[in-house]
Amino acid sequence: MSPPDSSDAYVQLIPLSKIDEGPNLLRQDIEVDSPEMVELKASIQDHGILQPVGVFPVGGRYQQVFGFRRATVARLLNLTQIPAMILKAPANESDLLAVQIQENAHRVDVEPVRFAQILQQMLKELGCSQKELSQKLHLSPVKVSRLLSLAALSPEVQSFVAEGRLGISTALELGQFQGVEQADLLSKALAGNLSRDEIIGRRKAKSRNTTSTPIVNARIAIPVDAHCTLALTGIDKSMDAVIDVLQSALAQAKKARTSGLSLATFARSQADRHRTPAQENPT
């Protein structure tokens, strides 16, 4: 088969002896005795290699890009040639990774931690946004975001995901906690005593408690615009209560305006309304 334009890929049978193993960036080791490899070997013995490996030409030989398991089994079976997709040589390592990820996209759910680490590496090297990365790799933005969040988790949590002992969603929820609290929740989740939904419930409860933490004897200055600042003093309220107070004050101010009160009269009436007995009868 004569090669088409160099920018296009084409498939042909090539000698295994001419294929050099390129960098296997998505999977460092291939265990020939693993159940996956045993199953693949049986399939190739029965049906041959149905999906070509990926290579690109280098000085009269070929460097492999993907299909490392198929090529390994072919060598184990002493095959002399193998169907290969001849690709244009990648310009850099990031392009090589992009090709390998697209070919192995179905493995994202099988080896999520390895994929997550690779995506994190690509994001750093390319200096692009998550959206641009998802477009380059033809992966959904949601999947890319989840994998990058997985890459940000502690190595301990990642190891349990890689071993299949912890689901990705559960791991991401655990990532919202830190230190001793995370360790305690992790231990319970691994023991089967804590579900993902229960972890979500704890996170939401924690968020509510954090939001409603009282601000005691504080003074808050809230810039409204370049010329005006709203000051709140003597606060001993939760955030929700402060919002209620502001809404109440706004309602009273609108009522005073409707009644025709001046700002000075409104301020004086409010001061009189909230004056304490001690202030009314000083000793």
Protein backbone atom coordinates (compact mmCIF):
# COMPACT_ATOMS: atom_id res chain seq x y z
CA MET A 1 0.00 0.00 0.00
CA SER A 2 1.46 3.35 -0.96
CA PRO A 3 1.28 6.00 1.77
CA PRO A 4 -1.15 8.88 1.26
CA ASP A 5 -0.48 12.46 2.27
CA SER A 6 1.85 12.61 5.31
CA SER A 7 -0.86 14.23 7.44
CA ASP A 8 -3.12 11.19 7.03
CA ALA A 9 -2.93 7.83 8.79
CA TYR A 10 -3.09 4.52 6.98
CA VAL A 11 -2.92 0.85 7.97
CA GLN A 12 -0.57 -1.83 6.69
CA LEU A 13 1.16 -5.02 7.85
CA ILE A 14 4.70 -4.37 9.05
CA PRO A 15 7.36 -6.70 10.50
CA LEU A 16 7.47 -6.80 14.28
CA SER A 17 11.26 -6.71 14.01
CA LYS A 18 11.01 -3.16 12.64
CA ILE A 19 8.93 -1.82 15.52
CA ASP A 20 10.76 -0.14 18.40
CA GLU A 21 8.83 0.32 21.63
CA GLY A 22 8.23 4.02 22.18
CA PRO A 23 7.47 5.69 25.53
CA ASN A 24 4.44 4.09 27.19
CA LEU A 25 3.38 7.21 29.06
CA LEU A 26 0.01 5.92 30.21
CA ARG A 27 1.17 2.64 31.64
CA GLN A 28 4.72 2.00 32.76
CA ASP A 29 4.60 -1.78 33.14
CA ILE A 30 2.76 -4.59 31.36
CA GLU A 31 2.24 -7.71 33.46
CA VAL A 32 2.18 -10.58 30.97
CA ASP A 33 0.54 -12.93 33.50
CA SER A 34 -2.30 -10.55 34.39
CA PRO A 35 -5.88 -11.74 33.67
CA GLU A 36 -6.20 -8.99 31.08
CA MET A 37 -3.14 -10.15 29.15
CA VAL A 38 -4.11 -13.82 29.39
CA GLU A 39 -7.52 -12.96 27.93
CA LEU A 40 -5.95 -10.85 25.17
CA LYS A 41 -3.55 -13.65 24.27
CA ALA A 42 -6.42 -16.13 23.93
CA SER A 43 -8.34 -13.68 21.74
CA ILE A 44 -5.39 -13.07 19.40
CA GLN A 45 -4.73 -16.83 19.14
CA ASP A 46 -8.35 -17.40 18.09
CA HIS A 47 -9.06 -14.34 15.95
CA GLY A 48 -5.78 -12.59 15.24
CA ILE A 49 -5.10 -8.91 15.91
CA LEU A 50 -8.34 -7.13 15.07
CA GLN A 51 -7.24 -3.60 16.01
CA PRO A 52 -3.95 -2.25 14.64
CA VAL A 53 -1.24 -0.85 16.85
CA GLY A 54 -0.13 2.75 16.32
CA VAL A 55 3.34 3.64 15.06
CA PHE A 56 5.14 6.45 13.27
CA PRO A 57 8.12 6.10 10.90
CA VAL A 58 11.63 6.95 12.13
CA GLY A 59 14.59 6.41 9.78
CA GLY A 60 13.34 3.28 8.05
CA ARG A 61 11.92 1.80 11.26
CA TYR A 62 8.82 2.49 13.34
CA GLN A 63 8.32 3.76 16.87
CA GLN A 64 5.25 2.52 18.70
CA VAL A 65 2.69 4.98 20.08
CA PHE A 66 -0.13 2.73 21.30
CA GLY A 67 -1.20 -0.90 21.29
CA PHE A 68 1.66 -2.04 23.54
CA ARG A 69 -0.33 -4.99 24.94
CA ARG A 70 -1.18 -6.26 21.47
CA ALA A 71 2.44 -5.99 20.34
CA THR A 72 3.66 -7.73 23.51
CA VAL A 73 1.25 -10.64 22.95
CA ALA A 74 2.27 -10.82 19.27
CA ARG A 75 5.90 -11.26 20.34
CA LEU A 76 4.91 -13.88 22.91
CA LEU A 77 3.11 -15.78 20.14
CA ASN A 78 6.13 -15.42 17.82
CA LEU A 79 4.16 -13.55 15.15
CA THR A 80 6.37 -12.04 12.46
CA GLN A 81 4.15 -9.14 11.36
CA ILE A 82 1.34 -7.09 12.76
CA PRO A 83 -1.26 -4.65 11.40
CA ALA A 84 -0.20 -1.10 12.23
CA MET A 85 -1.69 2.35 11.77
CA ILE A 86 1.09 4.55 10.38
CA LEU A 87 0.78 7.99 11.96
CA LYS A 88 2.42 11.34 11.47
CA ALA A 89 5.24 11.74 14.00
CA PRO A 90 4.09 13.80 17.03
CA ALA A 91 5.74 17.20 17.34
CA ASN A 92 6.37 16.87 21.08
CA GLU A 93 5.60 14.77 24.14
CA SER A 94 2.28 16.53 24.71
CA ASP A 95 1.11 15.58 21.21
CA LEU A 96 2.26 12.02 21.84
CA LEU A 97 0.27 11.95 25.07
CA ALA A 98 -2.78 13.33 23.29
CA VAL A 99 -2.66 10.50 20.75
CA GLN A 100 -2.21 7.87 23.47
CA ILE A 101 -5.05 9.29 25.58
CA GLN A 102 -7.44 9.39 22.63
CA GLU A 103 -6.60 5.77 21.80
CA ASN A 104 -6.95 4.69 25.44
CA ALA A 105 -9.88 6.90 26.45
CA HIS A 106 -11.89 3.80 27.35
CA ARG A 107 -9.31 3.10 30.08
CA VAL A 108 -10.01 6.36 31.93
CA ASP A 109 -12.44 4.58 34.22
CA VAL A 110 -10.10 1.60 34.63
CA GLU A 111 -6.93 3.52 35.49
CA PRO A 112 -8.25 6.92 36.62
CA VAL A 113 -5.30 7.86 38.83
CA ARG A 114 -2.73 7.34 36.07
CA PHE A 115 -4.89 9.32 33.64
CA ALA A 116 -5.37 12.05 36.26
CA GLN A 117 -1.62 12.42 36.77
CA ILE A 118 -1.03 12.58 33.02
CA LEU A 119 -3.71 15.24 32.53
CA GLN A 120 -2.24 17.30 35.36
CA GLN A 121 1.18 17.05 33.69
CA MET A 122 -0.24 18.11 30.31
CA LEU A 123 -2.15 21.04 31.81
CA LYS A 124 1.06 22.32 33.37
CA GLU A 125 3.23 21.80 30.29
CA LEU A 126 0.76 23.25 27.80
CA GLY A 127 -0.31 26.17 30.00
CA CYS A 128 -3.85 25.85 28.69
CA SER A 129 -7.26 25.93 30.33
CA GLN A 130 -9.20 22.81 31.30
CA LYS A 131 -11.63 23.53 28.46
CA GLU A 132 -8.81 23.75 25.91
CA LEU A 133 -7.32 20.51 27.26
CA SER A 134 -10.65 18.69 26.97
CA GLN A 135 -10.96 19.87 23.36
CA LYS A 136 -7.43 18.73 22.52
CA LEU A 137 -8.04 15.28 23.99
CA HIS A 138 -11.66 14.91 22.80
CA LEU A 139 -12.76 14.23 26.40
CA SER A 140 -15.77 15.83 28.06
CA PRO A 141 -14.99 18.91 30.21
CA VAL A 142 -16.73 17.22 33.16
CA LYS A 143 -14.48 14.15 32.91
CA VAL A 144 -11.34 16.29 32.63
CA SER A 145 -12.40 18.37 35.64
CA ARG A 146 -13.05 15.25 37.74
CA LEU A 147 -9.72 13.71 36.81
CA LEU A 148 -7.80 16.90 37.61
CA SER A 149 -9.57 17.06 40.96
CA LEU A 150 -8.51 13.45 41.54
CA ALA A 151 -4.90 14.38 40.74
CA ALA A 152 -5.04 17.02 43.50
CA LEU A 153 -5.94 14.48 46.22
CA SER A 154 -3.41 13.08 48.65
CA PRO A 155 -1.28 10.13 47.44
CA GLU A 156 -2.91 7.94 50.10
CA VAL A 157 -6.44 8.58 48.82
CA GLN A 158 -5.26 8.16 45.21
CA SER A 159 -3.72 4.79 46.04
CA PHE A 160 -7.06 3.47 47.32
CA VAL A 161 -8.76 4.67 44.11
CA ALA A 162 -6.07 2.97 42.00
CA GLU A 163 -6.60 -0.27 43.94
CA GLY A 164 -10.34 -0.10 43.36
CA ARG A 165 -11.09 0.15 47.09
CA LEU A 166 -12.51 3.66 46.80
CA GLY A 167 -14.77 5.13 44.12
CA ILE A 168 -13.77 8.38 42.41
CA SER A 169 -16.87 10.25 43.61
CA THR A 170 -16.28 9.15 47.20
CA ALA A 171 -12.60 10.12 46.97
CA LEU A 172 -13.47 13.58 45.65
CA GLU A 173 -15.90 14.10 48.53
CA LEU A 174 -13.23 13.03 51.02
CA GLY A 175 -10.95 15.62 49.45
CA GLN A 176 -13.20 18.30 50.95
CA PHE A 177 -11.94 17.32 54.42
CA GLN A 178 -8.49 17.64 55.91
CA GLY A 179 -6.21 16.03 58.48
CA VAL A 180 -7.64 13.90 61.26
CA GLU A 181 -11.20 14.42 60.06
CA GLN A 182 -10.38 13.11 56.57
CA ALA A 183 -8.45 10.15 58.00
CA ASP A 184 -11.42 9.20 60.19
CA LEU A 185 -13.91 9.42 57.31
CA LEU A 186 -11.53 7.53 55.01
CA SER A 187 -11.18 4.70 57.50
CA LYS A 188 -14.97 4.40 57.82
CA ALA A 189 -15.48 4.53 54.04
CA LEU A 190 -12.90 1.78 53.44
CA ALA A 191 -14.57 -0.36 56.10
CA GLY A 192 -17.94 0.06 54.36
CA ASN A 193 -19.38 2.01 57.27
CA LEU A 194 -19.76 5.31 55.43
CA SER A 195 -21.33 5.89 52.00
CA ARG A 196 -20.65 8.67 49.54
CA ASP A 197 -24.05 10.22 50.28
CA GLU A 198 -23.30 10.23 54.00
CA ILE A 199 -19.99 11.99 53.35
CA ILE A 200 -21.85 14.57 51.24
CA GLY A 201 -24.29 15.07 54.12
CA ARG A 202 -21.43 15.69 56.53
CA ARG A 203 -19.81 18.14 54.14
CA LYS A 204 -23.03 20.13 53.77
CA ALA A 205 -23.60 20.14 57.52
CA LYS A 206 -20.05 21.36 58.06
CA SER A 207 -20.59 24.10 55.48
CA ARG A 208 -23.77 25.25 57.22
CA ASN A 209 -22.05 25.31 60.59
CA THR A 210 -19.13 27.30 59.19
CA THR A 211 -21.47 29.80 57.58
CA SER A 212 -23.48 30.28 60.77
CA THR A 213 -20.46 30.71 63.07
CA PRO A 214 -21.25 33.80 65.22
CA ILE A 215 -19.16 36.93 64.79
CA VAL A 216 -18.89 38.24 68.34
CA ASN A 217 -18.21 41.88 69.22
CA ALA A 218 -17.00 42.61 65.72
CA ARG A 219 -17.08 45.65 63.49
CA ILE A 220 -17.65 45.07 59.80
CA ALA A 221 -17.08 47.74 57.16
CA ILE A 222 -18.79 46.96 53.86
CA PRO A 223 -17.76 49.23 50.94
CA VAL A 224 -20.89 49.99 48.94
CA ASP A 225 -19.16 52.03 46.27
CA ALA A 226 -16.11 54.27 45.91
CA HIS A 227 -17.59 56.92 48.22
CA CYS A 228 -19.79 55.06 50.68
CA THR A 229 -19.06 52.42 53.35
CA LEU A 230 -21.68 50.69 55.49
CA ALA A 231 -20.44 49.99 59.04
CA LEU A 232 -21.99 47.37 61.34
CA THR A 233 -20.87 47.33 64.98
CA GLY A 234 -21.66 45.30 68.07
CA ILE A 235 -22.41 42.22 65.98
CA ASP A 236 -23.22 38.98 67.77
CA LYS A 237 -25.14 37.28 64.99
CA SER A 238 -24.77 34.57 62.40
CA MET A 239 -24.30 35.50 58.76
CA ASP A 240 -27.95 34.70 58.05
CA ALA A 241 -29.06 36.89 60.95
CA VAL A 242 -26.89 39.79 59.70
CA ILE A 243 -28.56 39.54 56.29
CA ASP A 244 -31.98 39.60 58.01
CA VAL A 245 -30.98 42.76 59.94
CA LEU A 246 -29.84 44.48 56.74
CA GLN A 247 -33.04 43.54 54.96
CA SER A 248 -35.09 44.80 57.93
CA ALA A 249 -33.17 48.10 57.98
CA LEU A 250 -33.74 48.52 54.24
CA ALA A 251 -37.47 47.90 54.65
CA GLN A 252 -37.67 50.48 57.46
CA ALA A 253 -35.75 53.04 55.41
CA LYS A 254 -38.11 52.56 52.45
CA LYS A 255 -41.13 52.97 54.78
CA ALA A 256 -39.66 56.18 56.21
CA ARG A 257 -39.09 57.55 52.71
CA THR A 258 -42.68 56.78 51.77
CA SER A 259 -43.82 58.63 54.93
CA GLY A 260 -41.79 61.68 53.91
CA LEU A 261 -39.29 61.50 56.80
CA SER A 262 -35.92 63.17 56.36
CA LEU A 263 -32.75 61.14 56.88
CA ALA A 264 -32.03 62.99 60.14
CA THR A 265 -35.53 62.35 61.50
CA PHE A 266 -35.37 58.69 60.45
CA ALA A 267 -32.00 58.20 62.15
CA ARG A 268 -33.25 59.90 65.33
CA SER A 269 -36.41 57.78 65.40
CA GLN A 270 -34.39 54.61 65.01
CA ALA A 271 -32.05 55.65 67.81
CA ASP A 272 -35.01 56.40 70.10
CA ARG A 273 -36.61 53.09 69.19
CA HIS A 274 -33.60 51.04 70.23
CA ARG A 275 -32.57 53.15 73.25
CA THR A 276 -32.12 51.03 76.40
CA PRO A 277 -33.59 51.96 79.80
CA ALA A 278 -30.08 52.74 81.09
CA GLN A 279 -29.61 55.19 78.23
CA GLU A 280 -32.97 56.82 78.93
CA ASN A 281 -32.26 57.20 82.68
CA PRO A 282 -28.51 57.65 83.10
CA THR A 283 -27.30 57.60 86.69
